[in-house]
Amino acid sequence: MLRNKNGSAYLYAMLAMLVLLTVSMAFMQITTLNSNISSKQLHKLQSFYVAEAGIEEALVYIKQHPEFKGIVPTMTMEIGTNQVNVTSSENHNIKLTSIGFVNDSKYTLQAIAEVKNSKGFTSHALTAYGCGSDLESVFDNNSMVEGDYLINHKYTINNHAKLNGVHFTDEVLEFPEFDSDWYNNTGRELPDKIIYGNASENDFKTGEKYYYVNGDLNFTSKTNLILDNVIIEVKGNILIAGNIEVEGIVFVTDNDINVANKTELKNIVMVGNNITFNNNIDANNILLYSNGKIKFDNTLNLTGVVIARQNIEISNNSTINGNVICKYLSMDNHSKIIIDDSYNIPILPSELGTISVSLISYK
């Protein structure tokens, strides 16, 4: 009888342990499941905040690059990353699609924003900001300015030249100063590739977005170079000449730039010291920024914005459709400046006007 009691007690103990083990395992599974659910919920919430931060960062970027369309340089946060795509929307607005990534979770936000440009410097066909009795702008020999113009100093009109617009003055106005890297919208702080010595067209077909040339740049081999939003920074001088088509490049140098001999340029930014265009140049969607002077001669057709810290010379059937900003200038022999804001320059610094970006809708 005692043996039977002992056996029953043993059986009850085993059953109790089995029940406790089952309950414990179920509790652990529930705890793990709740933990996984909590983690997923947390990551989902975090991905929302990362996407939201992407929208805010994109608005700041667009204010600096109001004409930008495409993927905004990716912002990496401590908890995740985001990707924001900017496209055109109705009524000249822009659409921002931001995706936030945190571990395996992602969240997509969309926003519509309005970009307003008060024009500023680009509200006039010509802005000759320089002041002083020693400065004089000259319009001679059938040259013409079509559109309002701002000139802060003495100017003379000779030999059938015409200024067709309202004359403004603003003696407080100074040369527009930009951020040191205003031309860089690639999101890269350092070059992807360094070329030692001089370089030609064939050196830039390797797919990088940011090149540095430790020498001169010579595009003279009649080989077209069509790129998209690529920076070529050059230590020496830049020469582009001779029946060549060049597109989608930002050229930067502290030295001189010379473009000549039936060259076609499209979607180009040039930053340099003295800049010269000569002999049948066709340039569309162009921004020129000179820390010295600019000279246009012999049949130029340019659409865009031209900026020179010193003077600009325009002569011999050269036409600029857009805006000219300089200290003072001379125009001669059927040259023209015609106000036109239909250009779509890859980079247009916000300092040229007052840019505002505001959200219209958000979801």
Protein backbone atom coordinates (compact mmCIF):
# COMPACT_ATOMS: atom_id res chain seq x y z
CA MET A 1 0.00 0.00 0.00
CA LEU A 2 2.85 2.37 0.87
CA ARG A 3 4.50 1.55 -2.41
CA ASN A 4 1.33 2.46 -4.33
CA LYS A 5 1.12 5.77 -2.44
CA ASN A 6 4.73 6.56 -3.28
CA GLY A 7 4.12 5.78 -6.94
CA SER A 8 1.05 8.00 -7.03
CA ALA A 9 2.94 10.86 -5.39
CA TYR A 10 5.71 10.50 -7.92
CA LEU A 11 3.20 10.55 -10.79
CA TYR A 12 1.48 13.64 -9.40
CA ALA A 13 4.83 15.37 -9.02
CA MET A 14 5.76 14.60 -12.62
CA LEU A 15 2.41 15.86 -13.86
CA ALA A 16 2.79 19.04 -11.80
CA MET A 17 6.28 19.62 -13.22
CA LEU A 18 4.97 19.01 -16.75
CA VAL A 19 2.16 21.53 -16.21
CA LEU A 20 4.61 24.06 -14.80
CA LEU A 21 6.98 23.48 -17.71
CA THR A 22 4.14 23.90 -20.25
CA VAL A 23 2.94 27.07 -18.57
CA SER A 24 6.50 28.42 -18.41
CA MET A 25 7.14 27.70 -22.09
CA ALA A 26 3.82 29.30 -23.07
CA PHE A 27 4.67 32.35 -20.97
CA MET A 28 8.09 32.59 -22.62
CA GLN A 29 6.52 32.32 -26.08
CA ILE A 30 3.98 35.03 -25.23
CA THR A 31 6.76 37.23 -23.83
CA THR A 32 8.91 36.70 -26.93
CA LEU A 33 5.94 37.34 -29.21
CA ASN A 34 5.07 40.53 -27.33
CA SER A 35 8.70 41.59 -27.48
CA ASN A 36 8.81 41.00 -31.24
CA ILE A 37 5.56 42.88 -31.71
CA SER A 38 6.86 45.73 -29.55
CA SER A 39 10.11 45.88 -31.54
CA LYS A 40 8.26 45.94 -34.85
CA GLN A 41 5.93 48.63 -33.59
CA LEU A 42 8.89 50.63 -32.34
CA HIS A 43 10.76 50.28 -35.64
CA LYS A 44 7.63 51.26 -37.56
CA LEU A 45 7.24 54.36 -35.44
CA GLN A 46 10.94 55.19 -35.78
CA SER A 47 10.76 54.78 -39.57
CA PHE A 48 7.91 57.31 -39.60
CA TYR A 49 10.05 59.86 -37.75
CA VAL A 50 12.99 59.18 -40.08
CA ALA A 51 10.75 59.75 -43.12
CA GLU A 52 9.39 62.93 -41.53
CA ALA A 53 12.93 64.18 -40.90
CA GLY A 54 13.68 63.48 -44.56
CA ILE A 55 10.88 65.83 -45.63
CA GLU A 56 12.23 68.59 -43.38
CA GLU A 57 15.80 68.15 -44.62
CA ALA A 58 14.60 68.09 -48.24
CA LEU A 59 12.80 71.41 -47.78
CA VAL A 60 16.03 72.98 -46.53
CA TYR A 61 17.93 71.50 -49.50
CA ILE A 62 15.34 72.75 -52.00
CA LYS A 63 15.55 76.26 -50.59
CA GLN A 64 19.26 76.18 -51.45
CA HIS A 65 18.63 74.49 -54.83
CA PRO A 66 15.16 75.67 -55.94
CA GLU A 67 15.35 74.08 -59.40
CA PHE A 68 16.35 70.64 -58.07
CA LYS A 69 14.52 67.49 -59.15
CA GLY A 70 15.61 63.95 -58.26
CA ILE A 71 16.93 62.09 -55.21
CA VAL A 72 18.02 64.43 -52.41
CA PRO A 73 21.42 63.47 -50.91
CA THR A 74 20.63 60.75 -48.35
CA MET A 75 20.57 61.72 -44.69
CA THR A 76 21.75 59.03 -42.25
CA MET A 77 20.40 59.21 -38.71
CA GLU A 78 21.43 57.24 -35.66
CA ILE A 79 18.35 55.02 -35.86
CA GLY A 80 18.02 54.70 -39.65
CA THR A 81 18.22 56.30 -43.09
CA ASN A 82 15.85 58.00 -45.48
CA GLN A 83 15.50 58.63 -49.19
CA VAL A 84 13.59 61.59 -50.60
CA ASN A 85 12.58 61.93 -54.25
CA VAL A 86 11.58 65.38 -55.55
CA THR A 87 9.36 65.55 -58.65
CA SER A 88 7.19 68.14 -60.35
CA SER A 89 3.55 68.46 -59.33
CA GLU A 90 0.51 70.44 -60.46
CA ASN A 91 0.44 74.25 -60.48
CA HIS A 92 4.26 74.41 -60.62
CA ASN A 93 4.52 72.86 -57.15
CA ILE A 94 6.80 70.00 -56.16
CA LYS A 95 6.04 66.55 -54.74
CA LEU A 96 8.30 65.02 -52.10
CA THR A 97 8.21 61.26 -51.47
CA SER A 98 10.21 60.33 -48.37
CA ILE A 99 10.89 56.75 -47.27
CA GLY A 100 12.28 56.11 -43.79
CA PHE A 101 14.17 52.85 -43.16
CA VAL A 102 14.77 51.35 -39.69
CA ASN A 103 15.93 47.72 -39.67
CA ASP A 104 13.26 45.78 -41.65
CA SER A 105 10.62 48.49 -41.27
CA LYS A 106 9.95 51.34 -43.68
CA TYR A 107 7.45 54.17 -43.80
CA THR A 108 6.52 56.33 -46.79
CA LEU A 109 5.39 59.94 -46.51
CA GLN A 110 4.33 62.26 -49.32
CA ALA A 111 4.15 66.03 -49.29
CA ILE A 112 3.32 68.80 -51.73
CA ALA A 113 5.34 72.00 -51.38
CA GLU A 114 5.29 75.41 -53.02
CA VAL A 115 8.54 77.11 -54.03
CA LYS A 116 8.44 80.88 -54.43
CA ASN A 117 11.25 83.00 -55.81
CA SER A 118 11.02 86.76 -55.37
CA LYS A 119 13.59 87.05 -58.17
CA GLY A 120 15.87 89.66 -56.56
CA PHE A 121 18.89 90.01 -58.86
CA THR A 122 17.09 88.11 -61.61
CA SER A 123 14.18 90.57 -61.73
CA HIS A 124 16.16 92.74 -64.17
CA ALA A 125 17.64 92.06 -67.57
CA LEU A 126 20.78 93.88 -66.42
CA THR A 127 22.10 94.63 -62.94
CA ALA A 128 25.26 96.78 -62.97
CA TYR A 129 25.64 97.23 -59.23
CA GLY A 130 28.95 99.14 -59.10
CA CYS A 131 28.96 102.65 -57.62
CA GLY A 132 31.52 105.40 -58.05
CA SER A 133 32.48 108.30 -60.30
CA ASP A 134 35.26 106.21 -61.86
CA LEU A 135 32.81 103.66 -63.33
CA GLU A 136 31.00 103.97 -66.65
CA SER A 137 28.94 101.49 -68.65
CA VAL A 138 28.83 101.97 -72.43
CA PHE A 139 26.14 100.91 -74.92
CA ASP A 140 27.27 101.44 -78.51
CA ASN A 141 26.58 100.60 -82.15
CA ASN A 142 23.07 99.09 -82.24
CA SER A 143 23.43 97.20 -78.98
CA MET A 144 20.25 96.69 -76.95
CA VAL A 145 18.94 95.85 -73.48
CA GLU A 146 15.35 94.56 -73.55
CA GLY A 147 13.86 94.63 -70.05
CA ASP A 148 14.22 96.61 -66.84
CA TYR A 149 17.77 97.47 -65.87
CA LEU A 150 19.55 98.59 -62.71
CA ILE A 151 22.65 100.75 -63.13
CA ASN A 152 24.22 102.55 -60.16
CA HIS A 153 26.76 104.66 -62.06
CA LYS A 154 27.22 106.80 -65.16
CA TYR A 155 26.36 105.22 -68.50
CA THR A 156 26.35 106.42 -72.13
CA ILE A 157 24.24 105.37 -75.13
CA ASN A 158 25.75 105.88 -78.60
CA ASN A 159 25.08 105.04 -82.27
CA HIS A 160 21.52 103.72 -82.16
CA ALA A 161 21.94 101.64 -79.03
CA LYS A 162 18.74 101.17 -77.00
CA LEU A 163 17.76 100.45 -73.41
CA ASN A 164 14.10 99.37 -73.53
CA GLY A 165 12.92 99.17 -69.95
CA VAL A 166 12.63 100.98 -66.64
CA HIS A 167 15.87 102.29 -65.10
CA PHE A 168 16.35 101.43 -61.42
CA THR A 169 19.07 102.36 -58.94
CA ASP A 170 19.94 100.74 -55.64
CA GLU A 171 23.26 101.99 -54.28
CA VAL A 172 23.09 99.60 -51.33
CA LEU A 173 23.26 96.63 -53.69
CA GLU A 174 26.55 94.68 -53.71
CA PHE A 175 27.98 91.68 -55.51
CA PRO A 176 26.00 88.53 -54.60
CA GLU A 177 28.15 86.40 -52.29
CA PHE A 178 27.43 82.67 -52.30
CA ASP A 179 28.38 79.87 -49.93
CA SER A 180 31.83 78.42 -50.66
CA ASP A 181 30.38 75.17 -52.04
CA TRP A 182 27.14 76.53 -53.52
CA TYR A 183 27.78 74.67 -56.79
CA ASN A 184 28.00 71.24 -55.13
CA ASN A 185 24.65 69.45 -55.09
CA THR A 186 26.05 65.92 -55.34
CA GLY A 187 26.07 65.33 -51.57
CA ARG A 188 29.79 64.54 -51.72
CA GLU A 189 32.34 66.49 -49.71
CA LEU A 190 35.42 65.03 -51.44
CA PRO A 191 36.14 64.01 -55.05
CA ASP A 192 35.44 60.43 -56.11
CA LYS A 193 38.46 60.47 -58.40
CA ILE A 194 41.64 62.55 -58.70
CA ILE A 195 43.32 62.95 -62.10
CA TYR A 196 46.99 63.87 -61.88
CA GLY A 197 48.29 66.10 -64.65
CA ASN A 198 46.21 67.48 -67.53
CA ALA A 199 42.88 65.90 -68.50
CA SER A 200 40.68 65.56 -71.62
CA GLU A 201 37.15 64.40 -72.43
CA ASN A 202 37.94 60.69 -72.24
CA ASP A 203 39.00 60.93 -68.59
CA PHE A 204 35.42 61.57 -67.47
CA LYS A 205 33.58 58.53 -68.79
CA THR A 206 34.14 56.35 -65.72
CA GLY A 207 30.85 57.09 -63.94
CA GLU A 208 32.03 59.16 -60.95
CA LYS A 209 30.06 62.24 -59.85
CA TYR A 210 32.93 64.40 -58.56
CA TYR A 211 36.36 64.69 -60.21
CA TYR A 212 39.41 66.74 -59.31
CA VAL A 213 42.04 67.54 -61.99
CA ASN A 214 45.48 68.39 -60.67
CA GLY A 215 46.42 70.26 -63.85
CA ASP A 216 44.72 71.88 -66.88
CA LEU A 217 41.51 70.70 -68.52
CA ASN A 218 41.53 70.60 -72.33
CA PHE A 219 38.44 69.54 -74.29
CA THR A 220 39.79 69.85 -77.84
CA SER A 221 39.52 66.37 -79.36
CA LYS A 222 36.05 66.92 -80.88
CA THR A 223 34.64 64.17 -78.65
CA ASN A 224 31.22 65.01 -77.20
CA LEU A 225 30.80 64.63 -73.43
CA ILE A 226 27.22 64.18 -72.17
CA LEU A 227 26.98 63.73 -68.39
CA ASP A 228 24.40 64.37 -65.67
CA ASN A 229 25.12 66.55 -62.63
CA VAL A 230 28.88 65.88 -62.53
CA ILE A 231 31.41 68.21 -60.88
CA ILE A 232 34.84 68.69 -62.47
CA GLU A 233 37.07 70.78 -60.25
CA VAL A 234 40.30 71.92 -61.92
CA LYS A 235 43.51 73.28 -60.43
CA GLY A 236 44.63 74.95 -63.68
CA ASN A 237 42.91 76.55 -66.67
CA ILE A 238 39.92 75.17 -68.61
CA LEU A 239 39.78 75.15 -72.44
CA ILE A 240 36.74 73.87 -74.37
CA ALA A 241 37.05 74.36 -78.12
CA GLY A 242 36.41 72.86 -81.51
CA ASN A 243 33.04 71.44 -82.64
CA ILE A 244 32.19 69.75 -79.37
CA GLU A 245 28.96 69.27 -77.41
CA VAL A 246 29.19 69.30 -73.61
CA GLU A 247 26.26 68.73 -71.23
CA GLY A 248 25.45 68.25 -67.54
CA ILE A 249 28.71 69.40 -65.92
CA VAL A 250 29.73 71.87 -63.22
CA PHE A 251 33.20 73.26 -64.05
CA VAL A 252 35.09 74.88 -61.17
CA THR A 253 38.52 76.54 -61.15
CA ASP A 254 40.29 79.47 -59.50
CA ASN A 255 41.89 80.19 -62.88
CA ASP A 256 40.58 81.10 -66.35
CA ILE A 257 37.97 79.45 -68.59
CA ASN A 258 38.02 79.75 -72.38
CA VAL A 259 35.23 78.41 -74.64
CA ALA A 260 35.67 78.77 -78.41
CA ASN A 261 35.04 77.55 -81.96
CA LYS A 262 31.50 76.24 -82.48
CA THR A 263 31.03 74.71 -79.06
CA GLU A 264 27.57 73.69 -77.80
CA LEU A 265 26.89 73.80 -74.06
CA LYS A 266 23.76 72.59 -72.25
CA ASN A 267 22.90 72.44 -68.53
CA ILE A 268 26.31 73.81 -67.56
CA VAL A 269 27.63 75.76 -64.55
CA MET A 270 31.03 77.45 -64.82
CA VAL A 271 32.88 78.99 -61.88
CA GLY A 272 36.20 80.65 -62.59
CA ASN A 273 38.33 83.78 -62.64
CA ASN A 274 38.20 85.35 -66.13
CA ILE A 275 35.77 83.68 -68.55
CA THR A 276 35.88 84.11 -72.36
CA PHE A 277 33.38 82.87 -74.97
CA ASN A 278 34.46 83.40 -78.59
CA ASN A 279 33.41 82.36 -82.08
CA ASN A 280 29.98 80.75 -82.56
CA ILE A 281 29.01 79.48 -79.13
CA ASP A 282 25.54 78.07 -78.46
CA ALA A 283 24.82 77.78 -74.72
CA ASN A 284 21.49 76.74 -73.18
CA ASN A 285 20.61 76.63 -69.45
CA ILE A 286 23.91 78.13 -68.35
CA LEU A 287 25.16 79.79 -65.17
CA LEU A 288 28.48 81.63 -65.41
CA TYR A 289 30.10 82.95 -62.23
CA SER A 290 33.32 84.93 -62.62
CA ASN A 291 35.46 86.34 -59.84
CA GLY A 292 37.11 88.52 -62.50
CA LYS A 293 35.66 89.61 -65.85
CA ILE A 294 33.70 87.98 -68.67
CA LYS A 295 34.09 88.58 -72.40
CA PHE A 296 31.64 87.49 -75.12
CA ASP A 297 32.62 87.97 -78.76
CA ASN A 298 31.60 86.90 -82.25
CA THR A 299 28.15 85.30 -82.39
CA LEU A 300 27.19 83.99 -78.99
CA ASN A 301 23.70 82.70 -78.17
CA LEU A 302 23.33 82.11 -74.45
CA THR A 303 20.28 81.39 -72.29
CA GLY A 304 20.79 81.64 -68.55
CA VAL A 305 22.44 83.82 -65.90
CA VAL A 306 25.79 85.57 -66.25
CA ILE A 307 27.54 86.94 -63.14
CA ALA A 308 30.88 88.79 -63.01
CA ARG A 309 32.51 90.42 -60.00
CA GLN A 310 34.16 92.93 -62.34
CA ASN A 311 33.12 93.97 -65.86
CA ILE A 312 31.48 92.22 -68.80
CA GLU A 313 32.19 92.89 -72.48
CA ILE A 314 29.52 91.84 -75.02
CA SER A 315 30.13 92.42 -78.73
CA ASN A 316 29.70 91.27 -82.33
CA ASN A 317 26.23 89.74 -82.54
CA SER A 318 26.29 88.17 -79.11
CA THR A 319 22.89 87.64 -77.45
CA ILE A 320 22.13 86.76 -73.83
CA ASN A 321 18.58 85.65 -73.00
CA GLY A 322 18.24 85.76 -69.24
CA ASN A 323 19.98 87.95 -66.69
CA VAL A 324 23.33 89.74 -66.52
CA ILE A 325 24.86 90.82 -63.19
CA CYS A 326 28.16 92.70 -63.07
CA LYS A 327 29.98 95.73 -61.67
CA TYR A 328 29.85 97.55 -65.00
CA LEU A 329 29.78 96.59 -68.70
CA SER A 330 30.23 97.54 -72.33
CA MET A 331 28.05 96.44 -75.27
CA ASP A 332 28.87 96.92 -78.93
CA ASN A 333 28.00 95.90 -82.49
CA HIS A 334 24.47 94.44 -82.38
CA SER A 335 24.90 92.68 -79.05
CA LYS A 336 21.76 92.10 -76.94
CA ILE A 337 20.59 91.36 -73.41
CA ILE A 338 16.96 90.19 -73.32
CA ILE A 339 15.26 89.40 -70.04
CA ASP A 340 14.02 85.79 -69.98
CA ASP A 341 13.23 83.50 -67.07
CA SER A 342 12.38 80.39 -69.10
CA TYR A 343 15.78 78.81 -68.44
CA ASN A 344 16.13 75.72 -66.24
CA ILE A 345 19.63 76.03 -64.80
CA PRO A 346 20.84 72.94 -62.86
CA ILE A 347 21.93 75.10 -59.91
CA LEU A 348 20.53 78.56 -59.20
CA PRO A 349 21.83 79.95 -55.87
CA SER A 350 19.14 81.22 -53.55
CA GLU A 351 21.21 84.36 -52.90
CA LEU A 352 20.14 85.67 -56.32
CA GLY A 353 16.64 86.10 -54.91
CA THR A 354 14.53 85.34 -51.86
CA ILE A 355 13.48 81.69 -51.97
CA SER A 356 10.65 80.44 -49.78
CA VAL A 357 9.50 76.82 -49.51
CA SER A 358 6.23 75.97 -47.76
CA LEU A 359 4.23 72.75 -47.30
CA ILE A 360 0.78 72.65 -48.88
CA SER A 361 -0.29 69.10 -48.01
CA TYR A 362 1.14 66.22 -46.03
CA LYS A 363 0.20 62.56 -45.74
